[in-house]
PDB file of N, CA and C in Angstrom:
ATOM      1  N   MET A   1    -173.950 102.233  22.026  1.00  0.00           N
ATOM      2  CA  MET A   1    -174.916 103.231  21.572  1.00  0.00           C
ATOM      3  C   MET A   1    -176.328 102.744  22.025  1.00  0.00           C
ATOM      4  N   ASN A   2    -177.085 103.653  22.555  1.00  0.00           N
ATOM      5  CA  ASN A   2    -178.458 103.301  22.903  1.00  0.00           C
ATOM      6  C   ASN A   2    -179.415 103.801  21.842  1.00  0.00           C
ATOM      7  N   ARG A   3    -180.662 103.502  22.021  1.00  0.00           N
ATOM      8  CA  ARG A   3    -181.710 103.851  21.032  1.00  0.00           C
ATOM      9  C   ARG A   3    -181.778 105.370  20.775  1.00  0.00           C
ATOM     10  N   GLU A   4    -181.755 106.163  21.812  1.00  0.00           N
ATOM     11  CA  GLU A   4    -181.858 107.609  21.670  1.00  0.00           C
ATOM     12  C   GLU A   4    -180.632 108.197  20.940  1.00  0.00           C
ATOM     13  N   ALA A   5    -179.456 107.684  21.272  1.00  0.00           N
ATOM     14  CA  ALA A   5    -178.229 108.141  20.601  1.00  0.00           C
ATOM     15  C   ALA A   5    -178.237 107.737  19.117  1.00  0.00           C
ATOM     16  N   LEU A   6    -178.732 106.560  18.829  1.00  0.00           N
ATOM     17  CA  LEU A   6    -178.796 106.092  17.469  1.00  0.00           C
ATOM     18  C   LEU A   6    -179.780 106.931  16.648  1.00  0.00           C
ATOM     19  N   ASP A   7    -180.916 107.250  17.225  1.00  0.00           N
ATOM     20  CA  ASP A   7    -181.901 108.101  16.535  1.00  0.00           C
ATOM     21  C   ASP A   7    -181.290 109.463  16.219  1.00  0.00           C
ATOM     22  N   LYS A   8    -180.626 110.031  17.190  1.00  0.00           N
ATOM     23  CA  LYS A   8    -179.976 111.330  16.999  1.00  0.00           C
ATOM     24  C   LYS A   8    -178.901 111.273  15.933  1.00  0.00           C
ATOM     25  N   TYR A   9    -178.106 110.212  15.959  1.00  0.00           N
ATOM     26  CA  TYR A   9    -177.037 110.043  14.945  1.00  0.00           C
ATOM     27  C   TYR A   9    -177.621 109.957  13.543  1.00  0.00           C
ATOM     28  N   ILE A  10    -178.670 109.165  13.350  1.00  0.00           N
ATOM     29  CA  ILE A  10    -179.267 109.003  12.016  1.00  0.00           C
ATOM     30  C   ILE A  10    -179.879 110.324  11.565  1.00  0.00           C
ATOM     31  N   LYS A  11    -180.516 111.045  12.448  1.00  0.00           N
ATOM     32  CA  LYS A  11    -181.089 112.351  12.084  1.00  0.00           C
ATOM     33  C   LYS A  11    -180.018 113.303  11.639  1.00  0.00           C
ATOM     34  N   ASN A  12    -178.918 113.351  12.400  1.00  0.00           N
ATOM     35  CA  ASN A  12    -177.817 114.302  12.089  1.00  0.00           C
ATOM     36  C   ASN A  12    -177.058 113.943  10.820  1.00  0.00           C
ATOM     37  N   VAL A  13    -176.737 112.692  10.621  1.00  0.00           N
ATOM     38  CA  VAL A  13    -175.893 112.260   9.524  1.00  0.00           C
ATOM     39  C   VAL A  13    -176.659 112.033   8.242  1.00  0.00           C
ATOM     40  N   TYR A  14    -177.833 111.397   8.355  1.00  0.00           N
ATOM     41  CA  TYR A  14    -178.578 111.012   7.147  1.00  0.00           C
ATOM     42  C   TYR A  14    -179.820 111.903   6.878  1.00  0.00           C
ATOM     43  N   ARG A  15    -180.064 112.815   7.773  1.00  0.00           N
ATOM     44  CA  ARG A  15    -181.137 113.799   7.592  1.00  0.00           C
ATOM     45  C   ARG A  15    -182.507 113.164   7.370  1.00  0.00           C
ATOM     46  N   VAL A  16    -182.774 112.090   8.077  1.00  0.00           N
ATOM     47  CA  VAL A  16    -184.122 111.481   8.043  1.00  0.00           C
ATOM     48  C   VAL A  16    -184.607 111.287   9.487  1.00  0.00           C
ATOM     49  N   THR A  17    -185.905 111.339   9.613  1.00  0.00           N
ATOM     50  CA  THR A  17    -186.504 111.101  10.927  1.00  0.00           C
ATOM     51  C   THR A  17    -187.220 109.777  10.936  1.00  0.00           C
ATOM     52  N   ALA A  18    -187.422 109.239  12.097  1.00  0.00           N
ATOM     53  CA  ALA A  18    -188.042 107.964  12.286  1.00  0.00           C
ATOM     54  C   ALA A  18    -189.529 108.065  11.886  1.00  0.00           C
ATOM     55  N   GLU A  19    -189.978 106.993  11.302  1.00  0.00           N
ATOM     56  CA  GLU A  19    -191.416 106.777  11.030  1.00  0.00           C
ATOM     57  C   GLU A  19    -191.852 105.628  11.925  1.00  0.00           C
ATOM     58  N   PHE A  20    -193.084 105.682  12.381  1.00  0.00           N
ATOM     59  CA  PHE A  20    -193.649 104.650  13.233  1.00  0.00           C
ATOM     60  C   PHE A  20    -194.893 104.082  12.520  1.00  0.00           C
ATOM     61  N   PRO A  21    -194.678 103.144  11.552  1.00  0.00           N
ATOM     62  CA  PRO A  21    -195.777 102.726  10.692  1.00  0.00           C
ATOM     63  C   PRO A  21    -196.769 101.728  11.289  1.00  0.00           C
ATOM     64  N   TRP A  22    -196.452 101.131  12.413  1.00  0.00           N
ATOM     65  CA  TRP A  22    -197.344 100.082  12.966  1.00  0.00           C
ATOM     66  C   TRP A  22    -198.002 100.524  14.262  1.00  0.00           C
ATOM     67  N   LEU A  23    -199.314 100.580  14.276  1.00  0.00           N
ATOM     68  CA  LEU A  23    -200.024 100.890  15.513  1.00  0.00           C
ATOM     69  C   LEU A  23    -199.844  99.794  16.545  1.00  0.00           C
ATOM     70  N   SER A  24    -199.718  98.563  16.068  1.00  0.00           N
ATOM     71  CA  SER A  24    -199.557  97.423  16.960  1.00  0.00           C
ATOM     72  C   SER A  24    -198.166  97.310  17.540  1.00  0.00           C
ATOM     73  N   ALA A  25    -197.208  98.049  16.989  1.00  0.00           N
ATOM     74  CA  ALA A  25    -195.831  98.028  17.460  1.00  0.00           C
ATOM     75  C   ALA A  25    -195.280  99.466  17.509  1.00  0.00           C
ATOM     76  N   PRO A  26    -195.782 100.258  18.469  1.00  0.00           N
ATOM     77  CA  PRO A  26    -195.410 101.689  18.498  1.00  0.00           C
ATOM     78  C   PRO A  26    -193.971 101.984  18.809  1.00  0.00           C
ATOM     79  N   THR A  27    -193.197 100.978  19.226  1.00  0.00           N
ATOM     80  CA  THR A  27    -191.764 101.218  19.476  1.00  0.00           C
ATOM     81  C   THR A  27    -190.877 100.891  18.302  1.00  0.00           C
ATOM     82  N   PHE A  28    -191.476 100.444  17.200  1.00  0.00           N
ATOM     83  CA  PHE A  28    -190.727 100.082  15.990  1.00  0.00           C
ATOM     84  C   PHE A  28    -190.545 101.326  15.116  1.00  0.00           C
ATOM     85  N   ALA A  29    -189.328 101.785  14.949  1.00  0.00           N
ATOM     86  CA  ALA A  29    -189.026 102.986  14.195  1.00  0.00           C
ATOM     87  C   ALA A  29    -188.299 102.596  12.914  1.00  0.00           C
ATOM     88  N   VAL A  30    -188.798 103.133  11.779  1.00  0.00           N
ATOM     89  CA  VAL A  30    -188.230 102.834  10.489  1.00  0.00           C
ATOM     90  C   VAL A  30    -187.544 104.091   9.954  1.00  0.00           C
ATOM     91  N   TYR A  31    -186.346 103.903   9.400  1.00  0.00           N
ATOM     92  CA  TYR A  31    -185.599 104.960   8.744  1.00  0.00           C
ATOM     93  C   TYR A  31    -185.441 104.569   7.284  1.00  0.00           C
ATOM     94  N   ARG A  32    -185.837 105.476   6.403  1.00  0.00           N
ATOM     95  CA  ARG A  32    -185.817 105.158   4.974  1.00  0.00           C
ATOM     96  C   ARG A  32    -185.233 106.298   4.161  1.00  0.00           C
ATOM     97  N   HIS A  33    -184.750 105.903   2.974  1.00  0.00           N
ATOM     98  CA  HIS A  33    -184.236 106.915   2.050  1.00  0.00           C
ATOM     99  C   HIS A  33    -185.389 107.783   1.587  1.00  0.00           C
ATOM    100  N   GLN A  34    -185.146 109.055   1.441  1.00  0.00           N
ATOM    101  CA  GLN A  34    -186.165 109.964   0.947  1.00  0.00           C
ATOM    102  C   GLN A  34    -186.341 109.778  -0.563  1.00  0.00           C
ATOM    103  N   SER A  35    -185.312 109.350  -1.279  1.00  0.00           N
ATOM    104  CA  SER A  35    -185.398 109.233  -2.721  1.00  0.00           C
ATOM    105  C   SER A  35    -186.135 107.992  -3.206  1.00  0.00           C
ATOM    106  N   ASN A  36    -186.021 106.888  -2.488  1.00  0.00           N
ATOM    107  CA  ASN A  36    -186.640 105.644  -2.972  1.00  0.00           C
ATOM    108  C   ASN A  36    -187.508 104.913  -1.947  1.00  0.00           C
ATOM    109  N   ASN A  37    -187.628 105.482  -0.761  1.00  0.00           N
ATOM    110  CA  ASN A  37    -188.453 104.932   0.331  1.00  0.00           C
ATOM    111  C   ASN A  37    -187.946 103.572   0.866  1.00  0.00           C
ATOM    112  N   LYS A  38    -186.780 103.118   0.478  1.00  0.00           N
ATOM    113  CA  LYS A  38    -186.250 101.851   0.994  1.00  0.00           C
ATOM    114  C   LYS A  38    -185.726 102.072   2.414  1.00  0.00           C
ATOM    115  N   TRP A  39    -185.996 101.080   3.256  1.00  0.00           N
ATOM    116  CA  TRP A  39    -185.511 101.098   4.631  1.00  0.00           C
ATOM    117  C   TRP A  39    -184.005 100.832   4.645  1.00  0.00           C
ATOM    118  N   PHE A  40    -183.307 101.521   5.561  1.00  0.00           N
ATOM    119  CA  PHE A  40    -181.944 101.174   5.812  1.00  0.00           C
ATOM    120  C   PHE A  40    -181.681 100.843   7.267  1.00  0.00           C
ATOM    121  N   ALA A  41    -182.642 101.154   8.124  1.00  0.00           N
ATOM    122  CA  ALA A  41    -182.543 100.818   9.540  1.00  0.00           C
ATOM    123  C   ALA A  41    -183.938 100.722  10.177  1.00  0.00           C
ATOM    124  N   VAL A  42    -184.095  99.756  11.084  1.00  0.00           N
ATOM    125  CA  VAL A  42    -185.324  99.615  11.804  1.00  0.00           C
ATOM    126  C   VAL A  42    -184.967  99.351  13.259  1.00  0.00           C
ATOM    127  N   ILE A  43    -185.395 100.264  14.133  1.00  0.00           N
ATOM    128  CA  ILE A  43    -185.126 100.091  15.582  1.00  0.00           C
ATOM    129  C   ILE A  43    -186.394  99.466  16.187  1.00  0.00           C
ATOM    130  N   MET A  44    -186.194  98.462  17.012  1.00  0.00           N
ATOM    131  CA  MET A  44    -187.287  97.758  17.622  1.00  0.00           C
ATOM    132  C   MET A  44    -186.977  97.456  19.095  1.00  0.00           C
ATOM    133  N   GLU A  45    -188.009  97.366  19.853  1.00  0.00           N
ATOM    134  CA  GLU A  45    -187.905  96.817  21.226  1.00  0.00           C
ATOM    135  C   GLU A  45    -188.612  95.468  21.198  1.00  0.00           C
ATOM    136  N   ILE A  46    -187.835  94.409  21.466  1.00  0.00           N
ATOM    137  CA  ILE A  46    -188.376  93.059  21.359  1.00  0.00           C
ATOM    138  C   ILE A  46    -188.012  92.256  22.622  1.00  0.00           C
ATOM    139  N   PRO A  47    -188.758  91.143  22.848  1.00  0.00           N
ATOM    140  CA  PRO A  47    -188.337  90.260  23.947  1.00  0.00           C
ATOM    141  C   PRO A  47    -186.986  89.655  23.661  1.00  0.00           C
ATOM    142  N   LYS A  48    -186.145  89.576  24.679  1.00  0.00           N
ATOM    143  CA  LYS A  48    -184.806  89.020  24.512  1.00  0.00           C
ATOM    144  C   LYS A  48    -184.828  87.571  23.949  1.00  0.00           C
ATOM    145  N   ASN A  49    -185.876  86.814  24.310  1.00  0.00           N
ATOM    146  CA  ASN A  49    -185.928  85.409  23.830  1.00  0.00           C
ATOM    147  C   ASN A  49    -186.123  85.317  22.324  1.00  0.00           C
ATOM    148  N   LYS A  50    -186.510  86.390  21.649  1.00  0.00           N
ATOM    149  CA  LYS A  50    -186.631  86.371  20.204  1.00  0.00           C
ATOM    150  C   LYS A  50    -185.260  86.277  19.513  1.00  0.00           C
ATOM    151  N   LEU A  51    -184.223  86.624  20.267  1.00  0.00           N
ATOM    152  CA  LEU A  51    -182.838  86.480  19.798  1.00  0.00           C
ATOM    153  C   LEU A  51    -182.142  85.312  20.462  1.00  0.00           C
ATOM    154  N   CYS A  52    -182.900  84.410  21.054  1.00  0.00           N
ATOM    155  CA  CYS A  52    -182.391  83.232  21.755  1.00  0.00           C
ATOM    156  C   CYS A  52    -181.554  83.623  22.936  1.00  0.00           C
ATOM    157  N   MET A  53    -181.826  84.777  23.533  1.00  0.00           N
ATOM    158  CA  MET A  53    -181.146  85.175  24.764  1.00  0.00           C
ATOM    159  C   MET A  53    -181.958  84.549  25.917  1.00  0.00           C
ATOM    160  N   GLU A  54    -181.246  84.102  26.932  1.00  0.00           N
ATOM    161  CA  GLU A  54    -181.929  83.421  28.021  1.00  0.00           C
ATOM    162  C   GLU A  54    -182.495  84.347  29.092  1.00  0.00           C
ATOM    163  N   GLU A  55    -182.033  85.602  29.116  1.00  0.00           N
ATOM    164  CA  GLU A  55    -182.544  86.529  30.122  1.00  0.00           C
ATOM    165  C   GLU A  55    -184.003  86.935  29.830  1.00  0.00           C
ATOM    166  N   GLU A  56    -184.695  87.360  30.873  1.00  0.00           N
ATOM    167  CA  GLU A  56    -186.063  87.855  30.712  1.00  0.00           C
ATOM    168  C   GLU A  56    -186.023  89.328  30.300  1.00  0.00           C
ATOM    169  N   GLY A  57    -187.132  89.812  29.831  1.00  0.00           N
ATOM    170  CA  GLY A  57    -187.277  91.222  29.517  1.00  0.00           C
ATOM    171  C   GLY A  57    -187.108  91.543  28.050  1.00  0.00           C
ATOM    172  N   ASN A  58    -187.150  92.822  27.783  1.00  0.00           N
ATOM    173  CA  ASN A  58    -187.032  93.358  26.397  1.00  0.00           C
ATOM    174  C   ASN A  58    -185.677  93.969  26.154  1.00  0.00           C
ATOM    175  N   ILE A  59    -185.352  94.137  24.889  1.00  0.00           N
ATOM    176  CA  ILE A  59    -184.109  94.754  24.479  1.00  0.00           C
ATOM    177  C   ILE A  59    -184.316  95.565  23.210  1.00  0.00           C
ATOM    178  N   ASN A  60    -183.627  96.673  23.116  1.00  0.00           N
ATOM    179  CA  ASN A  60    -183.664  97.470  21.861  1.00  0.00           C
ATOM    180  C   ASN A  60    -182.628  96.945  20.905  1.00  0.00           C
ATOM    181  N   ILE A  61    -183.045  96.803  19.636  1.00  0.00           N
ATOM    182  CA  ILE A  61    -182.150  96.356  18.583  1.00  0.00           C
ATOM    183  C   ILE A  61    -182.307  97.285  17.361  1.00  0.00           C
ATOM    184  N   VAL A  62    -181.364  97.206  16.452  1.00  0.00           N
ATOM    185  CA  VAL A  62    -181.520  97.860  15.157  1.00  0.00           C
ATOM    186  C   VAL A  62    -181.233  96.810  14.113  1.00  0.00           C
ATOM    187  N   ASN A  63    -182.135  96.680  13.139  1.00  0.00           N
ATOM    188  CA  ASN A  63    -181.899  95.802  11.994  1.00  0.00           C
ATOM    189  C   ASN A  63    -181.252  96.611  10.919  1.00  0.00           C
ATOM    190  N   LEU A  64    -180.164  96.065  10.364  1.00  0.00           N
ATOM    191  CA  LEU A  64    -179.392  96.748   9.331  1.00  0.00           C
ATOM    192  C   LEU A  64    -179.080  95.801   8.210  1.00  0.00           C
ATOM    193  N   LYS A  65    -179.145  96.302   7.002  1.00  0.00           N
ATOM    194  CA  LYS A  65    -178.797  95.477   5.834  1.00  0.00           C
ATOM    195  C   LYS A  65    -177.281  95.325   5.750  1.00  0.00           C
ATOM    196  N   SER A  66    -176.841  94.157   5.393  1.00  0.00           N
ATOM    197  CA  SER A  66    -175.383  93.893   5.230  1.00  0.00           C
ATOM    198  C   SER A  66    -175.150  93.095   3.990  1.00  0.00           C
ATOM    199  N   ASP A  67    -173.899  93.128   3.552  1.00  0.00           N
ATOM    200  CA  ASP A  67    -173.498  92.295   2.427  1.00  0.00           C
ATOM    201  C   ASP A  67    -173.643  90.853   2.827  1.00  0.00           C
ATOM    202  N   PRO A  68    -174.343  90.031   2.033  1.00  0.00           N
ATOM    203  CA  PRO A  68    -174.548  88.619   2.420  1.00  0.00           C
ATOM    204  C   PRO A  68    -173.227  87.887   2.685  1.00  0.00           C
ATOM    205  N   LEU A  69    -172.131  88.321   2.049  1.00  0.00           N
ATOM    206  CA  LEU A  69    -170.869  87.676   2.304  1.00  0.00           C
ATOM    207  C   LEU A  69    -170.290  87.961   3.706  1.00  0.00           C
ATOM    208  N   LEU A  70    -170.796  89.031   4.326  1.00  0.00           N
ATOM    209  CA  LEU A  70    -170.276  89.391   5.679  1.00  0.00           C
ATOM    210  C   LEU A  70    -171.202  88.912   6.794  1.00  0.00           C
ATOM    211  N   ILE A  71    -172.444  88.627   6.491  1.00  0.00           N
ATOM    212  CA  ILE A  71    -173.412  88.267   7.528  1.00  0.00           C
ATOM    213  C   ILE A  71    -172.889  87.169   8.454  1.00  0.00           C
ATOM    214  N   GLY A  72    -172.373  86.090   7.859  1.00  0.00           N
ATOM    215  CA  GLY A  72    -171.886  84.959   8.633  1.00  0.00           C
ATOM    216  C   GLY A  72    -170.839  85.327   9.644  1.00  0.00           C
ATOM    217  N   SER A  73    -169.912  86.211   9.259  1.00  0.00           N
ATOM    218  CA  SER A  73    -168.850  86.620  10.191  1.00  0.00           C
ATOM    219  C   SER A  73    -169.346  87.650  11.171  1.00  0.00           C
ATOM    220  N   LEU A  74    -170.253  88.525  10.741  1.00  0.00           N
ATOM    221  CA  LEU A  74    -170.797  89.548  11.676  1.00  0.00           C
ATOM    222  C   LEU A  74    -171.524  88.907  12.856  1.00  0.00           C
ATOM    223  N   ILE A  75    -172.338  87.878  12.568  1.00  0.00           N
ATOM    224  CA  ILE A  75    -173.140  87.299  13.652  1.00  0.00           C
ATOM    225  C   ILE A  75    -172.312  86.470  14.614  1.00  0.00           C
ATOM    226  N   LEU A  76    -171.008  86.309  14.334  1.00  0.00           N
ATOM    227  CA  LEU A  76    -170.123  85.711  15.290  1.00  0.00           C
ATOM    228  C   LEU A  76    -169.741  86.671  16.405  1.00  0.00           C
ATOM    229  N   ASP A  77    -169.872  87.963  16.131  1.00  0.00           N
ATOM    230  CA  ASP A  77    -169.551  88.987  17.132  1.00  0.00           C
ATOM    231  C   ASP A  77    -170.610  89.043  18.221  1.00  0.00           C
ATOM    232  N   LYS A  78    -170.188  89.269  19.421  1.00  0.00           N
ATOM    233  CA  LYS A  78    -171.119  89.431  20.553  1.00  0.00           C
ATOM    234  C   LYS A  78    -171.993  90.632  20.283  1.00  0.00           C
ATOM    235  N   GLY A  79    -173.301  90.455  20.386  1.00  0.00           N
ATOM    236  CA  GLY A  79    -174.229  91.580  20.187  1.00  0.00           C
ATOM    237  C   GLY A  79    -174.808  91.712  18.805  1.00  0.00           C
ATOM    238  N   ILE A  80    -174.415  90.820  17.880  1.00  0.00           N
ATOM    239  CA  ILE A  80    -174.976  90.839  16.543  1.00  0.00           C
ATOM    240  C   ILE A  80    -175.597  89.464  16.276  1.00  0.00           C
ATOM    241  N   TYR A  81    -176.832  89.504  15.824  1.00  0.00           N
ATOM    242  CA  TYR A  81    -177.626  88.272  15.651  1.00  0.00           C
ATOM    243  C   TYR A  81    -178.236  88.173  14.243  1.00  0.00           C
ATOM    244  N   PRO A  82    -178.640  86.979  13.834  1.00  0.00           N
ATOM    245  CA  PRO A  82    -179.428  86.928  12.607  1.00  0.00           C
ATOM    246  C   PRO A  82    -180.657  87.816  12.749  1.00  0.00           C
ATOM    247  N   ALA A  83    -181.041  88.446  11.695  1.00  0.00           N
ATOM    248  CA  ALA A  83    -182.107  89.459  11.750  1.00  0.00           C
ATOM    249  C   ALA A  83    -183.384  88.952  12.376  1.00  0.00           C
ATOM    250  N   TYR A  84    -183.933  89.735  13.256  1.00  0.00           N
ATOM    251  CA  TYR A  84    -185.271  89.443  13.815  1.00  0.00           C
ATOM    252  C   TYR A  84    -186.270  89.955  12.812  1.00  0.00           C
ATOM    253  N   HIS A  85    -187.156  89.049  12.396  1.00  0.00           N
ATOM    254  CA  HIS A  85    -188.325  89.369  11.572  1.00  0.00           C
ATOM    255  C   HIS A  85    -188.015  89.903  10.185  1.00  0.00           C
ATOM    256  N   MET A  86    -186.792  89.647   9.684  1.00  0.00           N
ATOM    257  CA  MET A  86    -186.425  90.090   8.348  1.00  0.00           C
ATOM    258  C   MET A  86    -185.534  88.988   7.706  1.00  0.00           C
ATOM    259  N   ASN A  87    -185.231  89.157   6.434  1.00  0.00           N
ATOM    260  CA  ASN A  87    -184.432  88.201   5.693  1.00  0.00           C
ATOM    261  C   ASN A  87    -183.065  88.070   6.308  1.00  0.00           C
ATOM    262  N   LYS A  88    -182.769  86.903   6.839  1.00  0.00           N
ATOM    263  CA  LYS A  88    -181.519  86.692   7.557  1.00  0.00           C
ATOM    264  C   LYS A  88    -180.307  86.596   6.616  1.00  0.00           C
ATOM    265  N   TYR A  89    -180.556  86.503   5.317  1.00  0.00           N
ATOM    266  CA  TYR A  89    -179.475  86.438   4.339  1.00  0.00           C
ATOM    267  C   TYR A  89    -178.922  87.864   4.062  1.00  0.00           C
ATOM    268  N   HIS A  90    -179.753  88.856   4.237  1.00  0.00           N
ATOM    269  CA  HIS A  90    -179.400  90.244   3.880  1.00  0.00           C
ATOM    270  C   HIS A  90    -179.368  91.201   5.098  1.00  0.00           C
ATOM    271  N   TRP A  91    -179.960  90.807   6.219  1.00  0.00           N
ATOM    272  CA  TRP A  91    -180.097  91.712   7.357  1.00  0.00           C
ATOM    273  C   TRP A  91    -179.587  91.031   8.624  1.00  0.00           C
ATOM    274  N   ASN A  92    -179.148  91.871   9.591  1.00  0.00           N
ATOM    275  CA  ASN A  92    -178.819  91.363  10.911  1.00  0.00           C
ATOM    276  C   ASN A  92    -179.385  92.287  11.949  1.00  0.00           C
ATOM    277  N   SER A  93    -179.461  91.792  13.180  1.00  0.00           N
ATOM    278  CA  SER A  93    -179.951  92.566  14.316  1.00  0.00           C
ATOM    279  C   SER A  93    -178.771  92.899  15.217  1.00  0.00           C
ATOM    280  N   VAL A  94    -178.666  94.180  15.600  1.00  0.00           N
ATOM    281  CA  VAL A  94    -177.572  94.642  16.460  1.00  0.00           C
ATOM    282  C   VAL A  94    -178.206  95.125  17.754  1.00  0.00           C
ATOM    283  N   ILE A  95    -177.777  94.600  18.893  1.00  0.00           N
ATOM    284  CA  ILE A  95    -178.363  95.066  20.133  1.00  0.00           C
ATOM    285  C   ILE A  95    -177.826  96.447  20.506  1.00  0.00           C
ATOM    286  N   LEU A  96    -178.677  97.208  21.122  1.00  0.00           N
ATOM    287  CA  LEU A  96    -178.337  98.583  21.475  1.00  0.00           C
ATOM    288  C   LEU A  96    -178.236  98.692  23.008  1.00  0.00           C
ATOM    289  N   ASP A  97    -177.214  98.063  23.523  1.00  0.00           N
ATOM    290  CA  ASP A  97    -177.009  98.115  24.988  1.00  0.00           C
ATOM    291  C   ASP A  97    -175.635  98.624  25.385  1.00  0.00           C
ATOM    292  N   GLY A  98    -174.914  99.177  24.412  1.00  0.00           N
ATOM    293  CA  GLY A  98    -173.575  99.692  24.691  1.00  0.00           C
ATOM    294  C   GLY A  98    -172.459  98.683  24.538  1.00  0.00           C
ATOM    295  N   SER A  99    -172.804  97.423  24.253  1.00  0.00           N
ATOM    296  CA  SER A  99    -171.772  96.388  24.157  1.00  0.00           C
ATOM    297  C   SER A  99    -170.982  96.449  22.836  1.00  0.00           C
ATOM    298  N   ILE A 100    -171.543  97.104  21.812  1.00  0.00           N
ATOM    299  CA  ILE A 100    -170.852  97.244  20.544  1.00  0.00           C
ATOM    300  C   ILE A 100    -170.389  98.690  20.409  1.00  0.00           C
ATOM    301  N   PRO A 101    -169.108  98.912  20.072  1.00  0.00           N
ATOM    302  CA  PRO A 101    -168.631 100.301  19.955  1.00  0.00           C
ATOM    303  C   PRO A 101    -169.460 101.114  18.968  1.00  0.00           C
ATOM    304  N   ASP A 102    -169.685 102.380  19.317  1.00  0.00           N
ATOM    305  CA  ASP A 102    -170.471 103.289  18.474  1.00  0.00           C
ATOM    306  C   ASP A 102    -169.938 103.322  17.035  1.00  0.00           C
ATOM    307  N   LYS A 103    -168.623 103.369  16.902  1.00  0.00           N
ATOM    308  CA  LYS A 103    -168.000 103.431  15.540  1.00  0.00           C
ATOM    309  C   LYS A 103    -168.371 102.202  14.723  1.00  0.00           C
ATOM    310  N   ASP A 104    -168.432 101.045  15.348  1.00  0.00           N
ATOM    311  CA  ASP A 104    -168.821  99.845  14.611  1.00  0.00           C
ATOM    312  C   ASP A 104    -170.265  99.922  14.140  1.00  0.00           C
ATOM    313  N   ILE A 105    -171.135 100.434  14.993  1.00  0.00           N
ATOM    314  CA  ILE A 105    -172.552 100.581  14.579  1.00  0.00           C
ATOM    315  C   ILE A 105    -172.666 101.618  13.462  1.00  0.00           C
ATOM    316  N   GLU A 106    -171.890 102.701  13.573  1.00  0.00           N
ATOM    317  CA  GLU A 106    -171.950 103.747  12.546  1.00  0.00           C
ATOM    318  C   GLU A 106    -171.480 103.178  11.186  1.00  0.00           C
ATOM    319  N   ILE A 107    -170.471 102.338  11.194  1.00  0.00           N
ATOM    320  CA  ILE A 107    -169.999 101.706   9.952  1.00  0.00           C
ATOM    321  C   ILE A 107    -171.093 100.795   9.360  1.00  0.00           C
ATOM    322  N   MET A 108    -171.761 100.013  10.243  1.00  0.00           N
ATOM    323  CA  MET A 108    -172.838  99.124   9.769  1.00  0.00           C
ATOM    324  C   MET A 108    -174.007  99.929   9.218  1.00  0.00           C
ATOM    325  N   ILE A 109    -174.326 101.060   9.821  1.00  0.00           N
ATOM    326  CA  ILE A 109    -175.391 101.932   9.309  1.00  0.00           C
ATOM    327  C   ILE A 109    -175.005 102.458   7.948  1.00  0.00           C
ATOM    328  N   LYS A 110    -173.777 102.913   7.804  1.00  0.00           N
ATOM    329  CA  LYS A 110    -173.333 103.419   6.493  1.00  0.00           C
ATOM    330  C   LYS A 110    -173.426 102.349   5.430  1.00  0.00           C
ATOM    331  N   ASP A 111    -173.018 101.148   5.763  1.00  0.00           N
ATOM    332  CA  ASP A 111    -173.134 100.029   4.819  1.00  0.00           C
ATOM    333  C   ASP A 111    -174.571  99.780   4.437  1.00  0.00           C
ATOM    334  N   SER A 112    -175.453  99.758   5.444  1.00  0.00           N
ATOM    335  CA  SER A 112    -176.878  99.518   5.170  1.00  0.00           C
ATOM    336  C   SER A 112    -177.459 100.624   4.306  1.00  0.00           C
ATOM    337  N   TYR A 113    -177.086 101.851   4.619  1.00  0.00           N
ATOM    338  CA  TYR A 113    -177.582 102.983   3.847  1.00  0.00           C
ATOM    339  C   TYR A 113    -177.120 102.866   2.366  1.00  0.00           C
ATOM    340  N   ASN A 114    -175.850 102.551   2.179  1.00  0.00           N
ATOM    341  CA  ASN A 114    -175.328 102.394   0.807  1.00  0.00           C
ATOM    342  C   ASN A 114    -175.935 101.212   0.072  1.00  0.00           C
ATOM    343  N   LEU A 115    -176.183 100.107   0.772  1.00  0.00           N
ATOM    344  CA  LEU A 115    -176.737  98.915   0.105  1.00  0.00           C
ATOM    345  C   LEU A 115    -178.217  99.129  -0.286  1.00  0.00           C
ATOM    346  N   THR A 116    -178.886 100.072   0.336  1.00  0.00           N
ATOM    347  CA  THR A 116    -180.304 100.287   0.029  1.00  0.00           C
ATOM    348  C   THR A 116    -180.541 101.527  -0.820  1.00  0.00           C
ATOM    349  N   TYR A 117    -179.461 102.210  -1.180  1.00  0.00           N
ATOM    350  CA  TYR A 117    -179.554 103.407  -1.977  1.00  0.00           C
ATOM    351  C   TYR A 117    -179.612 103.051  -3.465  1.00  0.00           C
ATOM    352  N   THR A 118    -180.546 103.601  -4.150  1.00  0.00           N
ATOM    353  CA  THR A 118    -180.675 103.415  -5.620  1.00  0.00           C
ATOM    354  C   THR A 118    -180.071 104.629  -6.313  1.00  0.00           C
ATOM    355  N   LYS A 119    -179.059 104.398  -7.102  1.00  0.00           N
ATOM    356  CA  LYS A 119    -178.458 105.535  -7.813  1.00  0.00           C
ATOM    357  C   LYS A 119    -179.375 106.021  -8.907  1.00  0.00           C
ATOM    358  N   PRO A 120    -179.480 107.335  -9.080  1.00  0.00           N
ATOM    359  CA  PRO A 120    -180.301 107.873 -10.135  1.00  0.00           C
ATOM    360  C   PRO A 120    -179.824 107.442 -11.512  1.00  0.00           C
ATOM    361  N   ARG A 121    -180.760 107.189 -12.374  1.00  0.00           N
ATOM    362  CA  ARG A 121    -180.390 106.851 -13.760  1.00  0.00           C
ATOM    363  C   ARG A 121    -180.021 108.115 -14.504  1.00  0.00           C
ATOM    364  N   GLY A 122    -179.132 107.939 -15.449  1.00  0.00           N
ATOM    365  CA  GLY A 122    -178.845 109.148 -16.225  1.00  0.00           C
ATOM    366  C   GLY A 122    -177.613 109.068 -16.917  1.00  0.00           C
TER     367      GLY A 122
END
């Protein structure tokens, strides 16, 4: 899945549009719950070396919240890294270059969405 496909998927399934809150980082897109404003996905374009990749250039990633019990096993998969610029105990970075099946990314987005959702009191 690439960045554009991921944006379209999130819009269609979760009915939220990207916000671009940082003038200094105009490629960083935040997706948040409408009910509680918590982020569930952040798409960024970052230098590959920020993920300890040896190649030159930039790469698109999405940061997603995960169950801390799963983080250790998730980052063993090719294309999933400890979170860039976020809490590495709760978040991971997934590269958006087509190397991870779309269904796997969709499952991780659903998990992130559910982990950041606050159930209404009542």
